Amino acid sequence: MLKYLIQKEFLQIRRNSFLPKLIFVFPIVIMCVMPWVMNQEVKNIRVCVVDNDRSVESQRLVHSIGQSKYFVFSGQQPTYSAALKEIEKSRTDIVLVIPKGHGRLLIAANAVNGTKGSIGSSYLAQIVSGQLSGQAKALYPAIHTLYLYNKHLNYKVFMIPALLAIVMMLMCGFLPALNIVSEKETGTIEQINVTPVPKWAFILSKLIPYWLIGLFVVTVCLILAWAVYGITCQGPLWLVYLLSILLALFFSSLGLIVSNYSDTMQQAIFVMWFFVVCLLLLSGLFTPTRSMPDWSYVTTYVNPMHYFIDAVRTVFVRGGDLGSIAHQVLALGGFSALMGTWAVVSYKKNT
């Protein structure tokens, strides 16, 4: 019985003119476009300099700023007031004031974009300190920085595992959520309700196709990460698939729960979008969870996306094994089992 129900689901997906294209095109677009634009590395910061010293050392400092890949030299201004007007007109982002003699340098940054202002000021301060010869260099002549696991500081290595989570969430969450609701609106679900099909068999027939679709999407994403960016999984590949299966089970069950309680497709979309946005923004996908306030950090303990992203980055980037992600796997398994049970119980089968 379950075999024929699954076959029915795949026939419905194939006969849909939009879903097959979405399943193939969506992961390709996400993996080929998003790693380039979802980059929180700050570059092309426009710097204006007020050089009151006009010495050889100050000119060397100005040339060092212009040669940096993080900055764009936007010229010099005669006074600090004139440089601030450049910031007000959005023509520059940071002003560096070099005093006459050996006084303190002033860095004034446009902090409307707090990330750009703080990181840009930090970059500029490092360049300034690197050009100044003083007691610090004499005291610490052999300080070296060693970057572990991502020695080239390639942001794509950090984002590609997170993009797997986004693709799985959207493909295995929204599609099942719209499945039952669409059958409610067309009236075809009444044909299932009058049959002796058990609730668990009906729910499994809705979940299994999207688990398989999720595994296909993960495979496409891993191939594209290797072919386009040369980035491969550093740990056991089967752990990535295990985590993907558990996340697919959670979101497909969540989608079916939403559809069980929704009467229209519009209602299901809005409810599902509410949960997806909350789970995504509180997962630590873009920013470290430790940067959150204490009250919001508590939510990560009940957020499956947080466990998945933490575990898949451990395996994909650091090369961790099952022992290093054991508690994430157990947490994902527990959440998935709970949501799967809820999906079966919440389905009302009218006979």
Protein backbone atom coordinates (compact mmCIF):
# COMPACT_ATOMS: atom_id res chain seq x y z
CA MET A 1 0.00 0.00 0.00
CA LEU A 2 2.78 2.44 0.97
CA LYS A 3 4.57 1.72 -2.30
CA TYR A 4 1.62 2.85 -4.41
CA LEU A 5 1.04 5.96 -2.30
CA ILE A 6 4.68 6.99 -2.80
CA GLN A 7 4.32 6.30 -6.50
CA LYS A 8 1.28 8.59 -6.54
CA GLU A 9 3.27 11.40 -4.93
CA PHE A 10 6.06 11.15 -7.50
CA LEU A 11 3.50 11.14 -10.30
CA GLN A 12 1.97 14.32 -8.90
CA ILE A 13 5.38 15.98 -8.69
CA ARG A 14 6.29 14.95 -12.24
CA ARG A 15 3.01 16.15 -13.70
CA ASN A 16 3.42 19.52 -12.06
CA SER A 17 4.91 21.93 -14.59
CA PHE A 18 6.82 23.95 -11.99
CA LEU A 19 8.13 21.61 -9.25
CA PRO A 20 10.61 19.56 -11.35
CA LYS A 21 12.19 22.77 -12.62
CA LEU A 22 12.38 24.16 -9.08
CA ILE A 23 14.02 21.00 -7.74
CA PHE A 24 16.76 21.15 -10.39
CA VAL A 25 17.29 24.91 -10.75
CA PHE A 26 16.98 26.06 -7.12
CA PRO A 27 20.09 24.32 -5.68
CA ILE A 28 22.13 25.33 -8.73
CA VAL A 29 21.22 29.00 -8.34
CA ILE A 30 21.80 28.93 -4.57
CA MET A 31 25.24 27.33 -4.82
CA CYS A 32 26.47 29.29 -7.84
CA VAL A 33 25.23 32.75 -6.83
CA MET A 34 24.74 33.00 -3.08
CA PRO A 35 28.34 32.21 -1.94
CA TRP A 36 29.48 35.30 -3.84
CA VAL A 37 26.86 37.69 -2.44
CA MET A 38 26.39 36.28 1.10
CA ASN A 39 29.83 37.51 2.06
CA GLN A 40 30.24 39.41 5.29
CA GLU A 41 33.86 40.27 4.57
CA VAL A 42 34.08 44.06 4.41
CA LYS A 43 35.82 45.38 1.28
CA ASN A 44 35.92 48.50 -0.90
CA ILE A 45 35.83 50.87 2.08
CA ARG A 46 36.30 54.42 0.86
CA VAL A 47 38.93 56.32 2.87
CA CYS A 48 39.57 60.04 2.87
CA VAL A 49 42.81 61.36 4.39
CA VAL A 50 43.54 64.70 6.03
CA ASP A 51 47.34 64.93 6.03
CA ASN A 52 48.46 67.75 8.30
CA ASP A 53 51.99 66.37 8.64
CA ARG A 54 52.96 66.13 4.92
CA SER A 55 56.08 64.15 5.72
CA VAL A 56 57.66 61.13 4.09
CA GLU A 57 56.18 58.86 6.77
CA SER A 58 52.65 60.21 6.31
CA GLN A 59 52.85 59.80 2.53
CA ARG A 60 54.07 56.23 3.00
CA LEU A 61 51.05 55.57 5.20
CA VAL A 62 48.69 57.02 2.57
CA HIS A 63 50.21 54.81 -0.11
CA SER A 64 49.84 51.74 2.13
CA ILE A 65 46.13 52.46 2.54
CA GLY A 66 45.68 52.86 -1.21
CA GLN A 67 47.41 49.53 -1.89
CA SER A 68 45.21 47.59 0.53
CA LYS A 69 42.58 45.33 -1.03
CA TYR A 70 40.08 46.41 1.63
CA PHE A 71 40.18 50.15 0.96
CA VAL A 72 39.49 52.52 -1.89
CA PHE A 73 41.40 55.77 -1.59
CA SER A 74 38.91 58.59 -2.20
CA GLY A 75 41.38 61.47 -2.06
CA GLN A 76 42.66 63.99 0.46
CA GLN A 77 40.94 66.94 2.06
CA PRO A 78 42.57 70.03 3.54
CA THR A 79 40.58 70.03 6.81
CA TYR A 80 38.66 67.66 9.03
CA SER A 81 35.43 69.61 8.46
CA ALA A 82 35.74 69.19 4.70
CA ALA A 83 36.31 65.45 5.14
CA LEU A 84 33.19 65.14 7.33
CA LYS A 85 31.15 66.74 4.55
CA GLU A 86 32.35 63.92 2.27
CA ILE A 87 30.92 61.42 4.78
CA GLU A 88 27.63 63.35 4.94
CA LYS A 89 27.37 63.19 1.15
CA SER A 90 28.15 59.41 1.21
CA ARG A 91 31.28 59.93 -0.85
CA THR A 92 33.55 58.32 1.73
CA ASP A 93 33.21 55.89 4.65
CA ILE A 94 36.20 56.63 6.88
CA VAL A 95 38.30 59.72 7.53
CA LEU A 96 41.90 59.42 8.69
CA VAL A 97 43.41 62.57 10.19
CA ILE A 98 47.22 62.61 10.42
CA PRO A 99 48.33 65.34 12.85
CA LYS A 100 51.44 67.40 12.47
CA GLY A 101 54.39 65.90 14.26
CA HIS A 102 53.95 62.70 16.29
CA GLY A 103 50.51 63.23 17.78
CA ARG A 104 47.63 60.81 17.91
CA LEU A 105 45.93 59.84 14.65
CA LEU A 106 42.15 60.20 14.40
CA ILE A 107 39.93 57.66 12.65
CA ALA A 108 36.34 58.83 12.09
CA ALA A 109 34.01 56.21 10.59
CA ASN A 110 30.48 56.35 9.26
CA ALA A 111 28.78 53.86 11.60
CA VAL A 112 25.30 53.93 10.07
CA ASN A 113 26.29 50.45 8.95
CA GLY A 114 27.77 49.32 12.25
CA THR A 115 29.56 46.28 10.82
CA LYS A 116 31.21 48.23 8.05
CA GLY A 117 32.19 51.06 10.38
CA SER A 118 33.69 48.92 13.14
CA ILE A 119 35.48 46.40 10.93
CA GLY A 120 36.70 49.09 8.55
CA SER A 121 38.12 51.12 11.44
CA SER A 122 39.82 47.99 12.77
CA TYR A 123 41.41 47.25 9.38
CA LEU A 124 42.64 50.82 9.09
CA ALA A 125 44.03 50.78 12.64
CA GLN A 126 46.01 47.63 11.79
CA ILE A 127 47.54 49.30 8.74
CA VAL A 128 48.44 52.38 10.76
CA SER A 129 50.02 50.35 13.56
CA GLY A 130 51.91 48.27 11.01
CA GLN A 131 53.49 51.39 9.52
CA LEU A 132 54.52 52.88 12.83
CA SER A 133 57.87 51.77 14.18
CA GLY A 134 57.99 51.77 17.93
CA GLN A 135 58.68 49.80 21.04
CA ALA A 136 55.97 47.24 20.23
CA LYS A 137 57.92 45.87 17.29
CA ALA A 138 61.09 45.73 19.36
CA LEU A 139 59.38 43.88 22.18
CA TYR A 140 57.44 41.42 20.00
CA PRO A 141 59.44 40.86 16.81
CA ALA A 142 58.28 37.29 16.17
CA ILE A 143 54.49 37.33 16.49
CA HIS A 144 52.79 35.21 13.82
CA THR A 145 49.12 34.41 13.30
CA LEU A 146 48.11 30.83 12.40
CA TYR A 147 44.62 30.29 10.97
CA LEU A 148 43.28 26.78 11.57
CA TYR A 149 40.98 24.86 9.19
CA ASN A 150 40.50 27.83 6.82
CA LYS A 151 43.97 29.29 6.45
CA HIS A 152 43.06 31.50 3.47
CA LEU A 153 40.07 33.01 5.31
CA ASN A 154 37.81 32.04 2.41
CA TYR A 155 34.29 33.04 3.42
CA LYS A 156 32.78 30.54 0.96
CA VAL A 157 34.14 27.67 3.07
CA PHE A 158 32.11 29.04 5.96
CA MET A 159 28.91 29.74 3.99
CA ILE A 160 28.53 26.64 1.79
CA PRO A 161 27.55 24.32 4.68
CA ALA A 162 25.02 26.95 5.80
CA LEU A 163 23.59 27.11 2.28
CA LEU A 164 22.93 23.37 2.53
CA ALA A 165 20.72 24.13 5.52
CA ILE A 166 18.83 26.85 3.62
CA VAL A 167 18.21 24.61 0.61
CA MET A 168 17.05 21.71 2.79
CA MET A 169 14.79 23.98 4.81
CA LEU A 170 13.05 25.47 1.78
CA MET A 171 12.81 22.31 -0.32
CA CYS A 172 11.79 19.94 2.49
CA GLY A 173 9.72 22.44 4.45
CA PHE A 174 7.61 24.48 2.08
CA LEU A 175 6.83 21.78 -0.49
CA PRO A 176 5.27 19.32 2.00
CA ALA A 177 3.45 22.23 3.67
CA LEU A 178 1.73 23.06 0.40
CA ASN A 179 1.07 19.44 -0.54
CA ILE A 180 -1.85 18.54 1.72
CA VAL A 181 -3.32 22.04 1.55
CA SER A 182 -3.40 21.91 -2.24
CA GLU A 183 -5.22 18.57 -2.06
CA LYS A 184 -7.68 20.10 0.38
CA GLU A 185 -8.38 22.96 -2.02
CA THR A 186 -8.79 20.66 -5.04
CA GLY A 187 -10.84 18.12 -3.07
CA THR A 188 -8.69 15.10 -3.94
CA ILE A 189 -7.86 14.43 -0.28
CA GLU A 190 -11.45 13.29 0.29
CA GLN A 191 -10.70 10.27 -1.87
CA ILE A 192 -7.95 9.27 0.56
CA ASN A 193 -10.13 9.89 3.60
CA VAL A 194 -12.72 7.33 2.51
CA THR A 195 -10.09 4.59 2.02
CA PRO A 196 -8.74 2.26 4.75
CA VAL A 197 -5.26 3.81 4.43
CA PRO A 198 -3.73 4.22 7.94
CA LYS A 199 -2.67 7.69 8.99
CA TRP A 200 0.97 6.69 9.41
CA ALA A 201 1.10 5.26 5.89
CA PHE A 202 -0.44 8.41 4.43
CA ILE A 203 2.00 10.69 6.27
CA LEU A 204 5.00 8.54 5.32
CA SER A 205 3.94 8.67 1.69
CA LYS A 206 4.04 12.45 1.96
CA LEU A 207 7.42 12.53 3.72
CA ILE A 208 9.53 9.93 1.91
CA PRO A 209 9.50 11.64 -1.54
CA TYR A 210 10.79 14.86 -0.02
CA TRP A 211 13.48 13.03 1.91
CA LEU A 212 14.71 11.60 -1.39
CA ILE A 213 14.47 15.02 -3.02
CA GLY A 214 16.47 16.46 -0.12
CA LEU A 215 19.24 13.88 -0.56
CA PHE A 216 19.32 14.62 -4.29
CA VAL A 217 19.60 18.35 -3.61
CA VAL A 218 22.44 17.81 -1.09
CA THR A 219 24.31 15.71 -3.66
CA VAL A 220 23.94 18.44 -6.29
CA CYS A 221 25.17 21.08 -3.81
CA LEU A 222 28.24 19.02 -2.84
CA ILE A 223 29.13 18.41 -6.48
CA LEU A 224 28.77 22.11 -7.29
CA ALA A 225 30.89 23.09 -4.26
CA TRP A 226 33.66 20.83 -5.56
CA ALA A 227 33.31 21.72 -9.26
CA VAL A 228 32.84 25.50 -8.95
CA TYR A 229 34.84 26.42 -5.83
CA GLY A 230 37.13 23.44 -5.28
CA ILE A 231 35.72 23.01 -1.76
CA THR A 232 35.21 19.47 -0.48
CA CYS A 233 34.07 17.93 2.77
CA GLN A 234 36.99 17.44 5.18
CA GLY A 235 35.17 14.86 7.31
CA PRO A 236 33.20 11.68 6.58
CA LEU A 237 30.68 12.40 3.84
CA TRP A 238 28.10 10.02 5.28
CA LEU A 239 27.78 12.29 8.32
CA VAL A 240 26.67 15.14 6.06
CA TYR A 241 23.97 12.88 4.61
CA LEU A 242 22.95 11.68 8.08
CA LEU A 243 22.51 15.27 9.28
CA SER A 244 20.64 16.14 6.08
CA ILE A 245 18.22 13.23 6.54
CA LEU A 246 17.45 14.29 10.10
CA LEU A 247 16.94 17.93 9.09
CA ALA A 248 14.75 16.86 6.16
CA LEU A 249 12.64 14.74 8.52
CA PHE A 250 12.17 17.69 10.86
CA PHE A 251 11.19 20.26 8.24
CA SER A 252 9.02 17.90 6.19
CA SER A 253 7.17 16.96 9.39
CA LEU A 254 6.84 20.64 10.32
CA GLY A 255 5.46 21.36 6.85
CA LEU A 256 2.86 18.60 7.18
CA ILE A 257 1.87 19.80 10.66
CA VAL A 258 1.29 23.30 9.29
CA SER A 259 -0.73 21.92 6.40
CA ASN A 260 -2.81 19.77 8.76
CA TYR A 261 -3.90 22.87 10.68
CA SER A 262 -4.29 25.11 7.60
CA ASP A 263 -7.34 25.37 5.38
CA THR A 264 -5.89 27.42 2.52
CA MET A 265 -2.54 27.58 0.75
CA GLN A 266 -2.10 31.24 1.67
CA GLN A 267 -2.51 30.45 5.36
CA ALA A 268 0.02 27.61 5.16
CA ILE A 269 2.58 29.83 3.38
CA PHE A 270 2.39 32.60 5.98
CA VAL A 271 2.55 30.24 8.97
CA MET A 272 5.45 28.30 7.47
CA TRP A 273 7.29 31.51 6.63
CA PHE A 274 6.93 32.67 10.24
CA PHE A 275 8.62 29.54 11.59
CA VAL A 276 11.28 29.47 8.88
CA VAL A 277 12.40 33.06 9.47
CA CYS A 278 12.56 32.60 13.25
CA LEU A 279 14.51 29.33 13.01
CA LEU A 280 16.88 30.77 10.42
CA LEU A 281 17.74 34.07 12.10
CA LEU A 282 18.19 32.48 15.53
CA SER A 283 20.34 29.58 14.31
CA GLY A 284 23.73 31.30 14.09
CA LEU A 285 23.87 30.95 10.33
CA PHE A 286 25.10 34.50 9.72
CA THR A 287 26.35 35.64 13.13
CA PRO A 288 27.74 33.77 16.15
CA THR A 289 25.04 32.72 18.60
CA ARG A 290 27.19 33.89 21.53
CA SER A 291 26.72 37.45 20.25
CA MET A 292 23.00 37.21 21.01
CA PRO A 293 21.49 38.49 24.27
CA ASP A 294 21.09 35.85 26.95
CA TRP A 295 17.31 35.62 26.54
CA SER A 296 17.60 34.93 22.79
CA TYR A 297 20.57 32.59 23.16
CA VAL A 298 18.34 30.26 25.18
CA THR A 299 16.23 29.68 22.05
CA THR A 300 19.17 27.95 20.33
CA TYR A 301 18.67 24.96 22.65
CA VAL A 302 15.34 24.21 20.92
CA ASN A 303 16.37 25.26 17.41
CA PRO A 304 17.19 22.28 15.14
CA MET A 305 18.75 24.59 12.55
CA HIS A 306 21.37 25.62 15.12
CA TYR A 307 22.34 22.00 15.78
CA PHE A 308 22.50 21.20 12.06
CA ILE A 309 24.62 24.24 11.11
CA ASP A 310 26.99 23.69 14.02
CA ALA A 311 27.39 19.99 13.19
CA VAL A 312 27.69 20.28 9.40
CA ARG A 313 30.34 23.02 9.72
CA THR A 314 32.24 20.83 12.17
CA VAL A 315 32.25 17.94 9.70
CA PHE A 316 32.58 19.91 6.46
CA VAL A 317 35.19 22.50 7.49
CA ARG A 318 37.03 21.04 10.50
CA GLY A 319 36.83 17.37 9.54
CA GLY A 320 35.06 16.25 12.71
CA ASP A 321 33.89 12.69 13.29
CA LEU A 322 30.73 11.26 14.82
CA GLY A 323 32.06 11.71 18.35
CA SER A 324 32.50 15.44 17.90
CA ILE A 325 28.87 15.94 16.79
CA ALA A 326 27.18 13.26 18.87
CA HIS A 327 25.03 15.65 20.90
CA GLN A 328 23.90 17.50 17.75
CA VAL A 329 22.89 14.22 16.11
CA LEU A 330 20.94 13.16 19.20
CA ALA A 331 19.21 16.53 19.41
CA LEU A 332 18.25 16.48 15.72
CA GLY A 333 17.03 12.90 16.06
CA GLY A 334 14.89 13.80 19.05
CA PHE A 335 13.34 16.84 17.38
CA SER A 336 12.70 14.90 14.17
CA ALA A 337 11.04 12.00 16.00
CA LEU A 338 8.84 14.41 17.97
CA MET A 339 7.74 16.32 14.87
CA GLY A 340 7.14 13.13 12.89
CA THR A 341 4.89 11.78 15.65
CA TRP A 342 3.04 15.09 15.82
CA ALA A 343 2.51 15.04 12.05
CA VAL A 344 0.83 11.62 12.26
CA VAL A 345 -1.30 12.50 15.29
CA SER A 346 -2.41 15.92 13.96
CA TYR A 347 -3.71 14.51 10.66
CA LYS A 348 -7.49 14.19 10.90
CA LYS A 349 -8.71 11.37 8.74
CA ASN A 350 -12.47 11.58 8.24
CA THR A 351 -14.05 8.24 7.42
